[in-house]
């Protein structure tokens, strides 16, 4: 399969914001409370200023019934894409 190479990968925070938070009407503060993490940490992720750690990926995976790998792969793909620029 040939994937496009001209398109940058999305930051995992953008995916979290656009695919999970906004459609459900959940705030960063609300999700941070549910995940038992600091609001600042989650805000930095959502605002694309911080990557996803294994701990955060584990918490997001459990909450959204996804996998840890889903979140970590988003982060890795973004970092790889950013390194190519």
N, C-alpha and C. Protein backbone atom coordinates (compact mmCIF):
# COMPACT_ATOMS: atom_id res chain seq x y z
N UNK A 1 0.84 -1.17 0.00
CA UNK A 1 0.00 0.00 0.00
C UNK A 1 0.89 1.23 0.00
N UNK A 2 0.60 2.17 -0.86
CA UNK A 2 1.34 3.43 -0.91
C UNK A 2 0.58 4.50 -0.15
N UNK A 3 1.22 5.02 0.90
CA UNK A 3 0.61 6.10 1.67
C UNK A 3 1.17 7.42 1.18
N UNK A 4 0.35 8.48 1.25
CA UNK A 4 0.85 9.77 0.81
C UNK A 4 1.99 10.25 1.68
N UNK A 5 3.03 10.80 1.07
CA UNK A 5 4.17 11.29 1.83
C UNK A 5 4.17 12.81 1.94
N UNK A 6 3.28 13.47 1.25
CA UNK A 6 3.23 14.93 1.26
C UNK A 6 2.39 15.49 2.41
N UNK A 7 1.71 14.65 3.11
CA UNK A 7 0.83 15.09 4.18
C UNK A 7 1.47 14.81 5.53
N UNK A 8 1.48 15.80 6.41
CA UNK A 8 2.00 15.61 7.76
C UNK A 8 0.99 14.84 8.59
N UNK A 9 1.50 14.05 9.52
CA UNK A 9 0.62 13.33 10.44
C UNK A 9 0.04 14.32 11.45
N UNK A 10 -1.15 14.04 11.90
CA UNK A 10 -1.80 14.89 12.90
C UNK A 10 -1.19 14.65 14.27
N UNK A 11 -1.12 15.72 15.04
CA UNK A 11 -0.67 15.61 16.43
C UNK A 11 -1.72 14.80 17.20
N UNK A 12 -1.30 13.93 18.12
CA UNK A 12 -2.29 13.14 18.88
C UNK A 12 -3.25 14.02 19.66
N UNK A 13 -2.80 15.21 20.07
CA UNK A 13 -3.70 16.13 20.77
C UNK A 13 -4.81 16.63 19.88
N UNK A 14 -4.51 16.84 18.59
CA UNK A 14 -5.54 17.26 17.64
C UNK A 14 -6.56 16.15 17.45
N UNK A 15 -6.09 14.92 17.38
CA UNK A 15 -7.00 13.78 17.25
C UNK A 15 -7.88 13.67 18.49
N UNK A 16 -7.28 13.79 19.65
CA UNK A 16 -8.05 13.73 20.90
C UNK A 16 -9.10 14.83 20.93
N UNK A 17 -8.71 16.03 20.58
CA UNK A 17 -9.63 17.18 20.61
C UNK A 17 -10.76 17.02 19.60
N UNK A 18 -10.39 16.73 18.34
CA UNK A 18 -11.37 16.74 17.26
C UNK A 18 -12.22 15.48 17.16
N UNK A 19 -11.67 14.35 17.55
CA UNK A 19 -12.39 13.08 17.39
C UNK A 19 -13.04 12.57 18.68
N UNK A 20 -12.56 13.05 19.81
CA UNK A 20 -13.08 12.52 21.07
C UNK A 20 -13.72 13.60 21.95
N UNK A 21 -13.02 14.71 22.20
CA UNK A 21 -13.55 15.72 23.10
C UNK A 21 -14.72 16.51 22.50
N UNK A 22 -14.47 17.13 21.36
CA UNK A 22 -15.50 17.99 20.76
C UNK A 22 -16.80 17.27 20.44
N UNK A 23 -16.76 16.09 19.80
CA UNK A 23 -18.04 15.42 19.50
C UNK A 23 -18.84 15.05 20.76
N UNK A 24 -18.14 14.77 21.84
CA UNK A 24 -18.83 14.38 23.08
C UNK A 24 -19.14 15.58 23.98
N UNK A 25 -18.63 16.75 23.62
CA UNK A 25 -18.86 17.94 24.43
C UNK A 25 -18.14 17.90 25.76
N UNK A 26 -17.02 17.22 25.81
CA UNK A 26 -16.25 17.09 27.05
C UNK A 26 -15.16 18.15 27.06
N UNK A 27 -14.95 18.77 28.21
CA UNK A 27 -13.90 19.77 28.35
C UNK A 27 -12.59 19.10 28.77
N UNK A 28 -11.51 19.83 28.59
CA UNK A 28 -10.20 19.35 29.05
C UNK A 28 -10.24 19.14 30.56
N UNK A 29 -10.84 20.07 31.26
CA UNK A 29 -10.93 19.97 32.72
C UNK A 29 -11.70 18.71 33.13
N UNK A 30 -12.81 18.46 32.45
CA UNK A 30 -13.61 17.28 32.77
C UNK A 30 -12.88 15.99 32.50
N UNK A 31 -12.21 15.90 31.35
CA UNK A 31 -11.49 14.68 31.02
C UNK A 31 -10.30 14.48 31.94
N UNK A 32 -9.61 15.56 32.28
CA UNK A 32 -8.47 15.47 33.19
C UNK A 32 -8.92 14.89 34.54
N UNK A 33 -10.07 15.32 35.00
CA UNK A 33 -10.59 14.81 36.27
C UNK A 33 -10.91 13.32 36.18
N UNK A 34 -11.52 12.91 35.09
CA UNK A 34 -11.87 11.50 34.88
C UNK A 34 -10.60 10.64 34.79
N UNK A 35 -9.57 11.16 34.11
CA UNK A 35 -8.33 10.40 33.92
C UNK A 35 -7.40 10.48 35.13
N UNK A 36 -7.74 11.35 36.09
CA UNK A 36 -6.91 11.58 37.27
C UNK A 36 -5.51 12.08 36.89
N UNK A 37 -5.49 13.05 35.99
CA UNK A 37 -4.23 13.71 35.63
C UNK A 37 -4.43 15.21 35.76
N UNK A 38 -3.33 15.94 35.80
CA UNK A 38 -3.43 17.40 35.92
C UNK A 38 -4.00 18.00 34.65
N UNK A 39 -4.85 19.00 34.85
CA UNK A 39 -5.47 19.70 33.73
C UNK A 39 -4.41 20.27 32.80
N UNK A 40 -3.34 20.82 33.36
CA UNK A 40 -2.28 21.43 32.56
C UNK A 40 -1.66 20.41 31.60
N UNK A 41 -1.43 19.20 32.10
CA UNK A 41 -0.85 18.14 31.26
C UNK A 41 -1.74 17.85 30.07
N UNK A 42 -3.03 17.68 30.31
CA UNK A 42 -3.96 17.38 29.22
C UNK A 42 -4.12 18.57 28.29
N UNK A 43 -4.15 19.77 28.84
CA UNK A 43 -4.27 20.97 28.03
C UNK A 43 -3.07 21.10 27.09
N UNK A 44 -1.87 20.81 27.57
CA UNK A 44 -0.69 20.88 26.71
C UNK A 44 -0.77 19.87 25.57
N UNK A 45 -1.32 18.71 25.84
CA UNK A 45 -1.49 17.69 24.78
C UNK A 45 -2.51 18.18 23.75
N UNK A 46 -3.66 18.61 24.23
CA UNK A 46 -4.74 19.05 23.34
C UNK A 46 -4.31 20.27 22.52
N UNK A 47 -3.48 21.12 23.09
CA UNK A 47 -2.99 22.31 22.39
C UNK A 47 -1.71 22.05 21.61
N UNK A 48 -1.37 20.77 21.47
CA UNK A 48 -0.26 20.31 20.63
C UNK A 48 1.10 20.84 21.07
N UNK A 49 1.27 20.98 22.38
CA UNK A 49 2.53 21.44 22.93
C UNK A 49 3.28 20.32 23.65
N UNK A 50 2.66 19.15 23.72
CA UNK A 50 3.23 18.01 24.44
C UNK A 50 2.77 16.74 23.77
N UNK A 51 3.64 15.74 23.80
CA UNK A 51 3.29 14.44 23.23
C UNK A 51 2.53 13.58 24.24
N UNK A 52 2.27 12.36 23.82
CA UNK A 52 1.55 11.40 24.65
C UNK A 52 2.55 10.47 25.33
N UNK A 53 2.53 10.42 26.63
CA UNK A 53 3.38 9.48 27.36
C UNK A 53 2.68 8.12 27.45
N UNK A 54 3.42 7.10 27.84
CA UNK A 54 2.81 5.78 28.00
C UNK A 54 1.71 5.84 29.06
N UNK A 55 1.93 6.59 30.14
CA UNK A 55 0.93 6.70 31.20
C UNK A 55 -0.35 7.33 30.67
N UNK A 56 -0.21 8.43 29.94
CA UNK A 56 -1.39 9.08 29.38
C UNK A 56 -2.07 8.18 28.37
N UNK A 57 -1.29 7.52 27.53
CA UNK A 57 -1.85 6.59 26.54
C UNK A 57 -2.65 5.49 27.22
N UNK A 58 -2.13 4.99 28.33
CA UNK A 58 -2.82 3.93 29.08
C UNK A 58 -4.15 4.43 29.62
N UNK A 59 -4.14 5.63 30.16
CA UNK A 59 -5.37 6.21 30.72
C UNK A 59 -6.41 6.50 29.63
N UNK A 60 -5.94 7.07 28.51
CA UNK A 60 -6.85 7.35 27.40
C UNK A 60 -7.43 6.06 26.82
N UNK A 61 -6.58 5.05 26.67
CA UNK A 61 -7.04 3.77 26.12
C UNK A 61 -8.11 3.14 27.01
N UNK A 62 -7.90 3.18 28.30
CA UNK A 62 -8.89 2.60 29.22
C UNK A 62 -10.20 3.38 29.17
N UNK A 63 -10.11 4.69 29.13
CA UNK A 63 -11.32 5.52 29.13
C UNK A 63 -12.10 5.41 27.82
N UNK A 64 -11.39 5.44 26.71
CA UNK A 64 -12.06 5.45 25.40
C UNK A 64 -12.16 4.06 24.76
N UNK A 65 -11.75 3.04 25.48
CA UNK A 65 -11.80 1.66 25.00
C UNK A 65 -11.07 1.53 23.66
N UNK A 66 -9.89 2.14 23.61
CA UNK A 66 -9.01 1.98 22.47
C UNK A 66 -7.81 1.18 22.98
N UNK A 67 -6.69 1.28 22.29
CA UNK A 67 -5.50 0.59 22.76
C UNK A 67 -4.41 1.61 23.09
N UNK A 68 -3.50 1.21 23.93
CA UNK A 68 -2.34 2.04 24.24
C UNK A 68 -1.57 2.31 22.96
N UNK A 69 -1.45 1.29 22.12
CA UNK A 69 -0.71 1.42 20.86
C UNK A 69 -1.33 2.47 19.95
N UNK A 70 -2.64 2.59 19.94
CA UNK A 70 -3.31 3.60 19.12
C UNK A 70 -2.75 4.98 19.43
N UNK A 71 -2.70 5.32 20.71
CA UNK A 71 -2.22 6.64 21.13
C UNK A 71 -0.72 6.80 20.90
N UNK A 72 0.04 5.77 21.24
CA UNK A 72 1.49 5.85 21.07
C UNK A 72 1.87 5.89 19.59
N UNK A 73 1.13 5.18 18.75
CA UNK A 73 1.41 5.21 17.31
C UNK A 73 1.09 6.58 16.70
N UNK A 74 0.02 7.22 17.17
CA UNK A 74 -0.29 8.57 16.71
C UNK A 74 0.88 9.50 17.05
N UNK A 75 1.38 9.37 18.27
CA UNK A 75 2.49 10.22 18.73
C UNK A 75 3.75 9.95 17.92
N UNK A 76 4.06 8.68 17.71
CA UNK A 76 5.27 8.31 16.95
C UNK A 76 5.18 8.79 15.51
N UNK A 77 4.02 8.64 14.89
CA UNK A 77 3.85 9.07 13.50
C UNK A 77 4.00 10.59 13.39
N UNK A 78 3.46 11.31 14.36
CA UNK A 78 3.59 12.77 14.34
C UNK A 78 5.05 13.18 14.48
N UNK A 79 5.75 12.56 15.41
CA UNK A 79 7.16 12.90 15.63
C UNK A 79 8.01 12.57 14.40
N UNK A 80 7.72 11.44 13.77
CA UNK A 80 8.44 11.07 12.55
C UNK A 80 8.17 12.07 11.44
N UNK A 81 6.92 12.47 11.29
CA UNK A 81 6.53 13.44 10.27
C UNK A 81 7.20 14.78 10.54
N UNK A 82 7.24 15.19 11.79
CA UNK A 82 7.86 16.48 12.16
C UNK A 82 9.36 16.45 11.90
N UNK A 83 9.98 15.30 12.10
CA UNK A 83 11.42 15.19 11.88
C UNK A 83 11.77 15.32 10.40
N UNK A 84 10.85 14.96 9.52
CA UNK A 84 11.08 15.04 8.07
C UNK A 84 10.98 16.46 7.54
N UNK A 85 10.35 17.33 8.29
CA UNK A 85 10.15 18.72 7.82
C UNK A 85 11.41 19.51 7.90
